[in-house]
PDB file of N, CA and C in Angstrom:
ATOM      1  N   MET A   1      92.466 -54.312 -36.079  1.00  0.00           N
ATOM      2  CA  MET A   1      90.979 -54.103 -35.749  1.00  0.00           C
ATOM      3  C   MET A   1      90.724 -55.205 -35.467  1.00  0.00           C
ATOM      4  N   LYS A   2      91.028 -55.661 -34.389  1.00  0.00           N
ATOM      5  CA  LYS A   2      90.644 -56.214 -33.259  1.00  0.00           C
ATOM      6  C   LYS A   2      89.944 -55.378 -32.655  1.00  0.00           C
ATOM      7  N   PRO A   3      90.847 -53.876 -31.827  1.00  0.00           N
ATOM      8  CA  PRO A   3      90.006 -53.350 -30.939  1.00  0.00           C
ATOM      9  C   PRO A   3      89.351 -52.661 -31.870  1.00  0.00           C
ATOM     10  N   LEU A   4      89.533 -52.646 -32.859  1.00  0.00           N
ATOM     11  CA  LEU A   4      88.320 -51.146 -33.641  1.00  0.00           C
ATOM     12  C   LEU A   4      87.119 -52.126 -33.754  1.00  0.00           C
ATOM     13  N   GLN A   5      86.966 -53.693 -34.003  1.00  0.00           N
ATOM     14  CA  GLN A   5      85.821 -54.342 -33.291  1.00  0.00           C
ATOM     15  C   GLN A   5      85.407 -54.976 -32.424  1.00  0.00           C
ATOM     16  N   LEU A   6      86.362 -54.607 -30.910  1.00  0.00           N
ATOM     17  CA  LEU A   6      85.520 -54.262 -29.885  1.00  0.00           C
ATOM     18  C   LEU A   6      85.205 -53.419 -29.641  1.00  0.00           C
ATOM     19  N   ILE A   7      85.406 -52.145 -29.786  1.00  0.00           N
ATOM     20  CA  ILE A   7      84.718 -51.134 -30.060  1.00  0.00           C
ATOM     21  C   ILE A   7      83.194 -51.382 -30.234  1.00  0.00           C
ATOM     22  N   LEU A   8      83.358 -51.389 -31.838  1.00  0.00           N
ATOM     23  CA  LEU A   8      82.849 -51.668 -31.906  1.00  0.00           C
ATOM     24  C   LEU A   8      81.111 -52.460 -31.648  1.00  0.00           C
ATOM     25  N   GLY A   9      81.447 -53.239 -31.203  1.00  0.00           N
ATOM     26  CA  GLY A   9      80.900 -54.215 -30.532  1.00  0.00           C
ATOM     27  C   GLY A   9      80.089 -53.740 -28.879  1.00  0.00           C
ATOM     28  N   ALA A  10      80.793 -53.469 -28.466  1.00  0.00           N
ATOM     29  CA  ALA A  10      80.878 -52.925 -27.354  1.00  0.00           C
ATOM     30  C   ALA A  10      79.277 -51.854 -27.554  1.00  0.00           C
ATOM     31  N   ALA A  11      79.617 -51.261 -28.682  1.00  0.00           N
ATOM     32  CA  ALA A  11      78.416 -49.631 -28.821  1.00  0.00           C
ATOM     33  C   ALA A  11      77.022 -50.370 -29.699  1.00  0.00           C
ATOM     34  N   VAL A  12      77.087 -52.039 -30.404  1.00  0.00           N
ATOM     35  CA  VAL A  12      76.695 -51.864 -30.953  1.00  0.00           C
ATOM     36  C   VAL A  12      75.229 -52.536 -29.346  1.00  0.00           C
ATOM     37  N   LEU A  13      76.434 -53.689 -28.385  1.00  0.00           N
ATOM     38  CA  LEU A  13      75.367 -54.090 -27.414  1.00  0.00           C
ATOM     39  C   LEU A  13      74.960 -52.903 -26.344  1.00  0.00           C
ATOM     40  N   ALA A  14      75.697 -51.805 -26.026  1.00  0.00           N
ATOM     41  CA  ALA A  14      74.662 -51.177 -25.409  1.00  0.00           C
ATOM     42  C   ALA A  14      73.289 -50.522 -25.703  1.00  0.00           C
ATOM     43  N   SER A  15      73.899 -49.478 -27.698  1.00  0.00           N
ATOM     44  CA  SER A  15      72.424 -49.310 -28.378  1.00  0.00           C
ATOM     45  C   SER A  15      71.097 -50.605 -27.932  1.00  0.00           C
ATOM     46  N   MET A  16      71.459 -51.671 -27.777  1.00  0.00           N
ATOM     47  CA  MET A  16      70.561 -53.100 -28.232  1.00  0.00           C
ATOM     48  C   MET A  16      69.891 -52.712 -26.428  1.00  0.00           C
ATOM     49  N   PHE A  17      71.061 -52.601 -25.470  1.00  0.00           N
ATOM     50  CA  PHE A  17      69.985 -52.743 -24.135  1.00  0.00           C
ATOM     51  C   PHE A  17      69.250 -50.737 -24.286  1.00  0.00           C
ATOM     52  N   SER A  18      69.826 -50.331 -24.479  1.00  0.00           N
ATOM     53  CA  SER A  18      69.326 -49.061 -24.308  1.00  0.00           C
ATOM     54  C   SER A  18      67.868 -48.962 -25.016  1.00  0.00           C
ATOM     55  N   ILE A  19      67.870 -49.583 -26.039  1.00  0.00           N
ATOM     56  CA  ILE A  19      66.479 -50.099 -27.230  1.00  0.00           C
ATOM     57  C   ILE A  19      66.108 -50.985 -26.156  1.00  0.00           C
ATOM     58  N   VAL A  20      66.118 -51.986 -25.825  1.00  0.00           N
ATOM     59  CA  VAL A  20      64.776 -52.935 -25.008  1.00  0.00           C
ATOM     60  C   VAL A  20      64.949 -52.129 -24.123  1.00  0.00           C
ATOM     61  N   THR A  21      65.291 -51.062 -23.186  1.00  0.00           N
ATOM     62  CA  THR A  21      65.235 -50.316 -21.812  1.00  0.00           C
ATOM     63  C   THR A  21      63.584 -49.721 -22.691  1.00  0.00           C
ATOM     64  N   SER A  22      64.601 -48.351 -23.196  1.00  0.00           N
ATOM     65  CA  SER A  22      63.352 -47.617 -23.384  1.00  0.00           C
ATOM     66  C   SER A  22      62.593 -48.246 -23.768  1.00  0.00           C
ATOM     67  N   SER A  23      62.070 -48.754 -25.037  1.00  0.00           N
ATOM     68  CA  SER A  23      60.825 -50.316 -25.522  1.00  0.00           C
ATOM     69  C   SER A  23      60.502 -50.234 -24.191  1.00  0.00           C
ATOM     70  N   HIS A  24      60.464 -51.382 -22.971  1.00  0.00           N
ATOM     71  CA  HIS A  24      59.888 -51.689 -21.855  1.00  0.00           C
ATOM     72  C   HIS A  24      59.566 -50.139 -21.267  1.00  0.00           C
ATOM     73  N   ALA A  25      60.619 -48.883 -20.792  1.00  0.00           N
ATOM     74  CA  ALA A  25      59.600 -48.084 -20.489  1.00  0.00           C
ATOM     75  C   ALA A  25      58.192 -47.929 -21.093  1.00  0.00           C
ATOM     76  N   SER A  26      58.243 -47.167 -22.537  1.00  0.00           N
ATOM     77  CA  SER A  26      57.295 -46.730 -23.404  1.00  0.00           C
ATOM     78  C   SER A  26      55.829 -47.687 -22.741  1.00  0.00           C
ATOM     79  N   ARG A  27      56.500 -49.110 -23.379  1.00  0.00           N
ATOM     80  CA  ARG A  27      55.289 -50.131 -22.577  1.00  0.00           C
ATOM     81  C   ARG A  27      54.776 -49.550 -20.967  1.00  0.00           C
ATOM     82  N   LYS A  28      55.276 -49.180 -20.317  1.00  0.00           N
ATOM     83  CA  LYS A  28      54.707 -48.937 -19.154  1.00  0.00           C
ATOM     84  C   LYS A  28      54.257 -47.542 -18.984  1.00  0.00           C
ATOM     85  N   LEU A  29      54.581 -47.472 -19.614  1.00  0.00           N
ATOM     86  CA  LEU A  29      53.884 -45.521 -19.775  1.00  0.00           C
ATOM     87  C   LEU A  29      53.073 -45.749 -20.141  1.00  0.00           C
ATOM     88  N   PHE A  30      52.153 -46.488 -22.280  1.00  0.00           N
ATOM     89  CA  PHE A  30      51.119 -46.989 -22.339  1.00  0.00           C
ATOM     90  C   PHE A  30      50.064 -47.475 -21.317  1.00  0.00           C
ATOM     91  N   VAL A  31      50.488 -48.627 -20.841  1.00  0.00           N
ATOM     92  CA  VAL A  31      49.555 -49.331 -19.526  1.00  0.00           C
ATOM     93  C   VAL A  31      49.412 -48.324 -18.701  1.00  0.00           C
ATOM     94  N   ALA A  32      49.927 -47.374 -18.155  1.00  0.00           N
ATOM     95  CA  ALA A  32      49.083 -46.167 -16.944  1.00  0.00           C
ATOM     96  C   ALA A  32      48.631 -45.836 -17.470  1.00  0.00           C
ATOM     97  N   ILE A  33      48.631 -45.333 -18.461  1.00  0.00           N
ATOM     98  CA  ILE A  33      47.607 -43.845 -19.298  1.00  0.00           C
ATOM     99  C   ILE A  33      46.037 -44.971 -19.354  1.00  0.00           C
ATOM    100  N   GLU A  34      46.632 -46.195 -19.698  1.00  0.00           N
ATOM    101  CA  GLU A  34      45.345 -46.196 -20.164  1.00  0.00           C
ATOM    102  C   GLU A  34      44.633 -46.772 -18.952  1.00  0.00           C
ATOM    103  N   ARG A  35      45.332 -47.028 -17.829  1.00  0.00           N
ATOM    104  CA  ARG A  35      44.879 -47.798 -16.758  1.00  0.00           C
ATOM    105  C   ARG A  35      43.696 -46.103 -16.171  1.00  0.00           C
ATOM    106  N   ALA A  36      45.002 -45.139 -16.751  1.00  0.00           N
ATOM    107  CA  ALA A  36      44.263 -43.244 -16.319  1.00  0.00           C
ATOM    108  C   ALA A  36      43.028 -43.294 -17.065  1.00  0.00           C
ATOM    109  N   ASP A  37      42.688 -43.307 -18.426  1.00  0.00           N
ATOM    110  CA  ASP A  37      42.202 -42.878 -19.625  1.00  0.00           C
ATOM    111  C   ASP A  37      40.450 -44.143 -18.373  1.00  0.00           C
ATOM    112  N   THR A  38      40.946 -45.354 -18.334  1.00  0.00           N
ATOM    113  CA  THR A  38      39.849 -46.243 -18.237  1.00  0.00           C
ATOM    114  C   THR A  38      39.374 -45.337 -15.954  1.00  0.00           C
ATOM    115  N   GLN A  39      39.829 -45.448 -15.229  1.00  0.00           N
ATOM    116  CA  GLN A  39      39.235 -44.600 -14.680  1.00  0.00           C
ATOM    117  C   GLN A  39      38.620 -43.299 -14.821  1.00  0.00           C
ATOM    118  N   ALA A  40      38.669 -42.653 -15.562  1.00  0.00           N
ATOM    119  CA  ALA A  40      38.514 -40.711 -16.131  1.00  0.00           C
ATOM    120  C   ALA A  40      36.906 -41.481 -15.790  1.00  0.00           C
ATOM    121  N   LYS A  41      37.292 -42.109 -17.557  1.00  0.00           N
ATOM    122  CA  LYS A  41      36.144 -42.763 -17.925  1.00  0.00           C
ATOM    123  C   LYS A  41      35.301 -43.711 -17.047  1.00  0.00           C
ATOM    124  N   ARG A  42      35.390 -44.326 -15.890  1.00  0.00           N
ATOM    125  CA  ARG A  42      34.234 -44.221 -14.959  1.00  0.00           C
ATOM    126  C   ARG A  42      33.876 -43.272 -13.808  1.00  0.00           C
ATOM    127  N   LEU A  43      34.608 -42.413 -13.700  1.00  0.00           N
ATOM    128  CA  LEU A  43      34.098 -41.483 -12.668  1.00  0.00           C
ATOM    129  C   LEU A  43      34.031 -40.198 -13.400  1.00  0.00           C
ATOM    130  N   ASP A  44      34.184 -40.323 -14.676  1.00  0.00           N
ATOM    131  CA  ASP A  44      33.034 -39.484 -15.732  1.00  0.00           C
ATOM    132  C   ASP A  44      30.943 -40.535 -15.485  1.00  0.00           C
ATOM    133  N   THR A  45      31.277 -41.371 -15.510  1.00  0.00           N
ATOM    134  CA  THR A  45      30.047 -42.146 -15.716  1.00  0.00           C
ATOM    135  C   THR A  45      29.363 -42.158 -14.488  1.00  0.00           C
ATOM    136  N   GLU A  46      30.367 -42.352 -13.219  1.00  0.00           N
ATOM    137  CA  GLU A  46      30.306 -41.897 -11.903  1.00  0.00           C
ATOM    138  C   GLU A  46      29.333 -40.112 -11.530  1.00  0.00           C
ATOM    139  N   PHE A  47      30.303 -39.597 -11.768  1.00  0.00           N
ATOM    140  CA  PHE A  47      29.590 -38.134 -11.992  1.00  0.00           C
ATOM    141  C   PHE A  47      28.662 -38.118 -11.783  1.00  0.00           C
ATOM    142  N   ARG A  48      28.513 -37.999 -14.034  1.00  0.00           N
ATOM    143  CA  ARG A  48      26.533 -38.583 -14.269  1.00  0.00           C
ATOM    144  C   ARG A  48      26.003 -38.807 -13.158  1.00  0.00           C
ATOM    145  N   GLN A  49      26.038 -40.004 -12.884  1.00  0.00           N
ATOM    146  CA  GLN A  49      24.771 -40.953 -12.189  1.00  0.00           C
ATOM    147  C   GLN A  49      24.744 -39.605 -10.835  1.00  0.00           C
ATOM    148  N   LEU A  50      25.117 -39.936  -9.852  1.00  0.00           N
ATOM    149  CA  LEU A  50      25.619 -38.443  -8.996  1.00  0.00           C
ATOM    150  C   LEU A  50      24.322 -37.354  -9.443  1.00  0.00           C
ATOM    151  N   GLN A  51      25.061 -36.812 -10.382  1.00  0.00           N
ATOM    152  CA  GLN A  51      24.012 -35.877 -11.064  1.00  0.00           C
ATOM    153  C   GLN A  51      22.569 -36.153 -11.265  1.00  0.00           C
ATOM    154  N   VAL A  52      22.198 -36.705 -12.010  1.00  0.00           N
ATOM    155  CA  VAL A  52      21.173 -37.768 -11.744  1.00  0.00           C
ATOM    156  C   VAL A  52      20.303 -37.601 -10.466  1.00  0.00           C
ATOM    157  N   GLU A  53      21.620 -38.445 -10.137  1.00  0.00           N
ATOM    158  CA  GLU A  53      20.096 -38.818  -8.593  1.00  0.00           C
ATOM    159  C   GLU A  53      20.076 -37.404  -7.626  1.00  0.00           C
ATOM    160  N   GLN A  54      20.506 -36.909  -7.897  1.00  0.00           N
ATOM    161  CA  GLN A  54      21.166 -35.183  -7.255  1.00  0.00           C
ATOM    162  C   GLN A  54      19.793 -34.822  -7.325  1.00  0.00           C
ATOM    163  N   THR A  55      19.532 -34.348  -8.853  1.00  0.00           N
ATOM    164  CA  THR A  55      18.030 -33.711  -9.740  1.00  0.00           C
ATOM    165  C   THR A  55      17.141 -34.117  -9.147  1.00  0.00           C
ATOM    166  N   ALA A  56      17.647 -35.486  -9.154  1.00  0.00           N
ATOM    167  CA  ALA A  56      16.081 -37.134  -8.662  1.00  0.00           C
ATOM    168  C   ALA A  56      15.695 -36.706  -7.015  1.00  0.00           C
ATOM    169  N   LEU A  57      16.494 -36.375  -6.253  1.00  0.00           N
ATOM    170  CA  LEU A  57      16.121 -36.150  -4.831  1.00  0.00           C
ATOM    171  C   LEU A  57      16.025 -34.529  -4.917  1.00  0.00           C
ATOM    172  N   ALA A  58      16.038 -33.582  -5.724  1.00  0.00           N
ATOM    173  CA  ALA A  58      16.070 -32.272  -5.409  1.00  0.00           C
ATOM    174  C   ALA A  58      14.450 -32.205  -6.450  1.00  0.00           C
ATOM    175  N   LYS A  59      13.692 -32.769  -5.800  1.00  0.00           N
ATOM    176  CA  LYS A  59      12.319 -32.063  -6.742  1.00  0.00           C
ATOM    177  C   LYS A  59      11.922 -32.192  -5.309  1.00  0.00           C
ATOM    178  N   PRO A  60      11.300 -30.741  -5.555  1.00  0.00           N
ATOM    179  CA  PRO A  60       9.617 -30.149  -4.643  1.00  0.00           C
ATOM    180  C   PRO A  60       9.139 -30.860  -3.943  1.00  0.00           C
ATOM    181  N   GLY A  61       8.256 -32.242  -4.674  1.00  0.00           N
ATOM    182  CA  GLY A  61       7.506 -32.816  -4.067  1.00  0.00           C
ATOM    183  C   GLY A  61       8.205 -33.775  -3.263  1.00  0.00           C
ATOM    184  N   LEU A  62       9.598 -34.992  -3.555  1.00  0.00           N
ATOM    185  CA  LEU A  62      10.376 -35.059  -2.951  1.00  0.00           C
ATOM    186  C   LEU A  62      10.392 -35.151  -1.502  1.00  0.00           C
ATOM    187  N   ILE A  63      11.071 -33.555  -1.546  1.00  0.00           N
ATOM    188  CA  ILE A  63      11.592 -32.642  -0.147  1.00  0.00           C
ATOM    189  C   ILE A  63      10.170 -32.859   0.800  1.00  0.00           C
ATOM    190  N   ASP A  64       9.011 -32.599   0.472  1.00  0.00           N
ATOM    191  CA  ASP A  64       8.157 -32.024   0.349  1.00  0.00           C
ATOM    192  C   ASP A  64       7.809 -33.034   1.673  1.00  0.00           C
ATOM    193  N   SER A  65       7.069 -34.315   0.786  1.00  0.00           N
ATOM    194  CA  SER A  65       7.175 -35.508   1.238  1.00  0.00           C
ATOM    195  C   SER A  65       7.540 -35.845   2.434  1.00  0.00           C
ATOM    196  N   SER A  66       9.616 -35.740   2.242  1.00  0.00           N
ATOM    197  CA  SER A  66      10.612 -35.869   3.037  1.00  0.00           C
ATOM    198  C   SER A  66      10.113 -35.033   3.889  1.00  0.00           C
ATOM    199  N   ALA A  67      10.164 -34.734   4.505  1.00  0.00           N
ATOM    200  CA  ALA A  67       9.314 -33.831   5.223  1.00  0.00           C
ATOM    201  C   ALA A  67       8.209 -33.426   6.773  1.00  0.00           C
ATOM    202  N   ARG A  68       7.507 -34.180   5.204  1.00  0.00           N
ATOM    203  CA  ARG A  68       5.709 -34.737   6.536  1.00  0.00           C
ATOM    204  C   ARG A  68       6.140 -35.677   6.906  1.00  0.00           C
ATOM    205  N   ARG A  69       6.647 -36.798   5.886  1.00  0.00           N
ATOM    206  CA  ARG A  69       7.008 -38.162   6.876  1.00  0.00           C
ATOM    207  C   ARG A  69       8.288 -38.068   7.626  1.00  0.00           C
ATOM    208  N   ASP A  70       9.263 -37.755   8.066  1.00  0.00           N
ATOM    209  CA  ASP A  70      10.485 -38.132   8.403  1.00  0.00           C
ATOM    210  C   ASP A  70      11.213 -36.731   9.626  1.00  0.00           C
ATOM    211  N   LEU A  71      10.598 -36.296   9.391  1.00  0.00           N
ATOM    212  CA  LEU A  71      10.072 -34.290  10.394  1.00  0.00           C
ATOM    213  C   LEU A  71       8.990 -33.927  11.009  1.00  0.00           C
ATOM    214  N   GLN A  72       8.194 -35.539  10.668  1.00  0.00           N
ATOM    215  CA  GLN A  72       6.697 -34.111  10.807  1.00  0.00           C
ATOM    216  C   GLN A  72       5.968 -33.586  10.555  1.00  0.00           C
ATOM    217  N   MET A  73       6.760 -32.744   9.905  1.00  0.00           N
ATOM    218  CA  MET A  73       6.472 -31.253   9.386  1.00  0.00           C
ATOM    219  C   MET A  73       5.140 -30.995   9.138  1.00  0.00           C
ATOM    220  N   GLU A  74       4.413 -29.989   8.645  1.00  0.00           N
ATOM    221  CA  GLU A  74       3.298 -29.830   8.111  1.00  0.00           C
ATOM    222  C   GLU A  74       3.440 -28.514   7.867  1.00  0.00           C
ATOM    223  N   ARG A  75       2.402 -27.904   7.010  1.00  0.00           N
ATOM    224  CA  ARG A  75       1.984 -26.915   6.239  1.00  0.00           C
ATOM    225  C   ARG A  75       1.853 -25.593   7.367  1.00  0.00           C
ATOM    226  N   VAL A  76       1.842 -24.621   6.807  1.00  0.00           N
ATOM    227  CA  VAL A  76       1.798 -23.712   8.076  1.00  0.00           C
ATOM    228  C   VAL A  76       0.073 -22.514   7.246  1.00  0.00           C
ATOM    229  N   THR A  77      -0.356 -22.658   8.385  1.00  0.00           N
ATOM    230  CA  THR A  77      -1.155 -22.108   7.381  1.00  0.00           C
ATOM    231  C   THR A  77      -1.965 -20.720   7.950  1.00  0.00           C
ATOM    232  N   PRO A  78      -2.828 -20.059   8.245  1.00  0.00           N
ATOM    233  CA  PRO A  78      -3.396 -19.218   8.577  1.00  0.00           C
ATOM    234  C   PRO A  78      -3.471 -18.948   9.543  1.00  0.00           C
ATOM    235  N   ALA A  79      -4.007 -19.443   9.781  1.00  0.00           N
ATOM    236  CA  ALA A  79      -4.890 -20.023  11.504  1.00  0.00           C
ATOM    237  C   ALA A  79      -3.568 -20.275  12.959  1.00  0.00           C
ATOM    238  N   HIS A  80      -1.884 -20.320  11.648  1.00  0.00           N
ATOM    239  CA  HIS A  80      -0.763 -20.689  12.272  1.00  0.00           C
ATOM    240  C   HIS A  80      -0.259 -19.654  12.532  1.00  0.00           C
ATOM    241  N   THR A  81      -0.345 -18.868  12.046  1.00  0.00           N
ATOM    242  CA  THR A  81       0.380 -17.882  11.452  1.00  0.00           C
ATOM    243  C   THR A  81       0.413 -16.367  13.004  1.00  0.00           C
ATOM    244  N   LEU A  82       0.949 -16.289  13.728  1.00  0.00           N
ATOM    245  CA  LEU A  82       0.987 -14.480  14.975  1.00  0.00           C
ATOM    246  C   LEU A  82       2.268 -13.474  13.787  1.00  0.00           C
ATOM    247  N   TYR A  83       1.534 -12.557  12.876  1.00  0.00           N
ATOM    248  CA  TYR A  83       2.640 -11.186  13.357  1.00  0.00           C
ATOM    249  C   TYR A  83       2.338 -10.545  13.664  1.00  0.00           C
ATOM    250  N   LEU A  84       4.034  -9.817  14.393  1.00  0.00           N
ATOM    251  CA  LEU A  84       4.219  -9.259  14.597  1.00  0.00           C
ATOM    252  C   LEU A  84       4.293  -7.981  14.253  1.00  0.00           C
ATOM    253  N   ASN A  85       3.800  -7.126  14.542  1.00  0.00           N
ATOM    254  CA  ASN A  85       5.383  -5.392  14.720  1.00  0.00           C
ATOM    255  C   ASN A  85       6.360  -4.893  14.705  1.00  0.00           C
ATOM    256  N   ALA A  86       6.912  -3.926  14.871  1.00  0.00           N
ATOM    257  CA  ALA A  86       8.351  -3.523  16.521  1.00  0.00           C
ATOM    258  C   ALA A  86       7.644  -2.929  17.155  1.00  0.00           C
ATOM    259  N   GLN A  87       6.675  -2.514  17.067  1.00  0.00           N
ATOM    260  CA  GLN A  87       5.810  -1.803  18.838  1.00  0.00           C
ATOM    261  C   GLN A  87       5.494  -3.484  19.561  1.00  0.00           C
ATOM    262  N   ASP A  88       4.465  -4.158  18.684  1.00  0.00           N
ATOM    263  CA  ASP A  88       4.402  -5.113  19.913  1.00  0.00           C
ATOM    264  C   ASP A  88       5.586  -6.601  20.176  1.00  0.00           C
ATOM    265  N   ALA A  89       6.261  -6.282  19.511  1.00  0.00           N
ATOM    266  CA  ALA A  89       7.979  -6.472  19.813  1.00  0.00           C
ATOM    267  C   ALA A  89       8.307  -6.085  20.882  1.00  0.00           C
ATOM    268  N   ARG A  90       8.711  -4.681  20.216  1.00  0.00           N
ATOM    269  CA  ARG A  90       9.051  -4.629  22.427  1.00  0.00           C
ATOM    270  C   ARG A  90       8.533  -4.679  23.390  1.00  0.00           C
ATOM    271  N   ALA A  91       6.977  -4.267  23.506  1.00  0.00           N
ATOM    272  CA  ALA A  91       5.825  -4.806  23.922  1.00  0.00           C
ATOM    273  C   ALA A  91       5.682  -6.011  24.714  1.00  0.00           C
ATOM    274  N   ALA A  92       6.210  -6.922  24.335  1.00  0.00           N
ATOM    275  CA  ALA A  92       6.433  -8.392  24.174  1.00  0.00           C
ATOM    276  C   ALA A  92       8.125  -8.730  25.012  1.00  0.00           C
ATOM    277  N   ALA A  93       9.461  -7.892  24.474  1.00  0.00           N
ATOM    278  CA  ALA A  93      10.473  -8.051  25.145  1.00  0.00           C
ATOM    279  C   ALA A  93      10.456  -7.475  26.367  1.00  0.00           C
ATOM    280  N   GLY A  94       9.057  -6.208  26.869  1.00  0.00           N
ATOM    281  CA  GLY A  94       9.253  -5.981  28.457  1.00  0.00           C
ATOM    282  C   GLY A  94      10.169  -4.311  28.037  1.00  0.00           C
ATOM    283  N   ALA A  95      10.628  -4.447  26.690  1.00  0.00           N
ATOM    284  CA  ALA A  95      11.248  -3.348  26.667  1.00  0.00           C
ATOM    285  C   ALA A  95      10.275  -2.077  25.924  1.00  0.00           C
ATOM    286  N   LYS A  96      11.725  -0.520  26.726  1.00  0.00           N
ATOM    287  CA  LYS A  96      10.394   0.946  26.499  1.00  0.00           C
ATOM    288  C   LYS A  96      10.098   1.375  24.913  1.00  0.00           C
ATOM    289  N   PRO A  97       9.490   2.233  24.757  1.00  0.00           N
ATOM    290  CA  PRO A  97       9.187   2.409  22.793  1.00  0.00           C
ATOM    291  C   PRO A  97      10.493   3.448  23.132  1.00  0.00           C
ATOM    292  N   ALA A  98      11.552   3.786  22.131  1.00  0.00           N
ATOM    293  CA  ALA A  98      12.275   4.660  21.512  1.00  0.00           C
ATOM    294  C   ALA A  98      12.016   6.069  22.317  1.00  0.00           C
ATOM    295  N   GLY A  99      10.660   7.021  21.650  1.00  0.00           N
ATOM    296  CA  GLY A  99      10.691   7.655  21.872  1.00  0.00           C
ATOM    297  C   GLY A  99       9.891   8.216  23.288  1.00  0.00           C
ATOM    298  N   ALA A 100      10.650   6.902  24.105  1.00  0.00           N
ATOM    299  CA  ALA A 100       9.626   7.326  25.456  1.00  0.00           C
ATOM    300  C   ALA A 100      10.849   7.387  26.151  1.00  0.00           C
ATOM    301  N   ALA A 101      10.574   8.997  27.698  1.00  0.00           N
ATOM    302  CA  ALA A 101      11.401   9.385  27.877  1.00  0.00           C
ATOM    303  C   ALA A 101      11.563   7.959  29.640  1.00  0.00           C
ATOM    304  N   GLN A 102      12.433   8.414  30.098  1.00  0.00           N
ATOM    305  CA  GLN A 102      13.308   7.062  31.023  1.00  0.00           C
ATOM    306  C   GLN A 102      12.929   8.118  32.402  1.00  0.00           C
TER     307      GLN A 102
END
């Protein structure tokens, strides 16, 4: 009976170590999942804040005032507008009209 008890004792010890190892691995995986979940929530919050900021910065009035202030741009008026048609553009470039003889 001694060899059978020795084999059963070894099996119990192996089973015990297996349970401890799997418990430890399970805890490590649970902690990793919790960290990933926390990071996902943080990134989602940051993404929503960036969306709000992008919406605020994309307002036409803000863009207009920034262009005037930072780039010294001004609104185009009819007095500052020059309209060209195709014939005027060719004459300005020195090209002959398409139907002219060479």
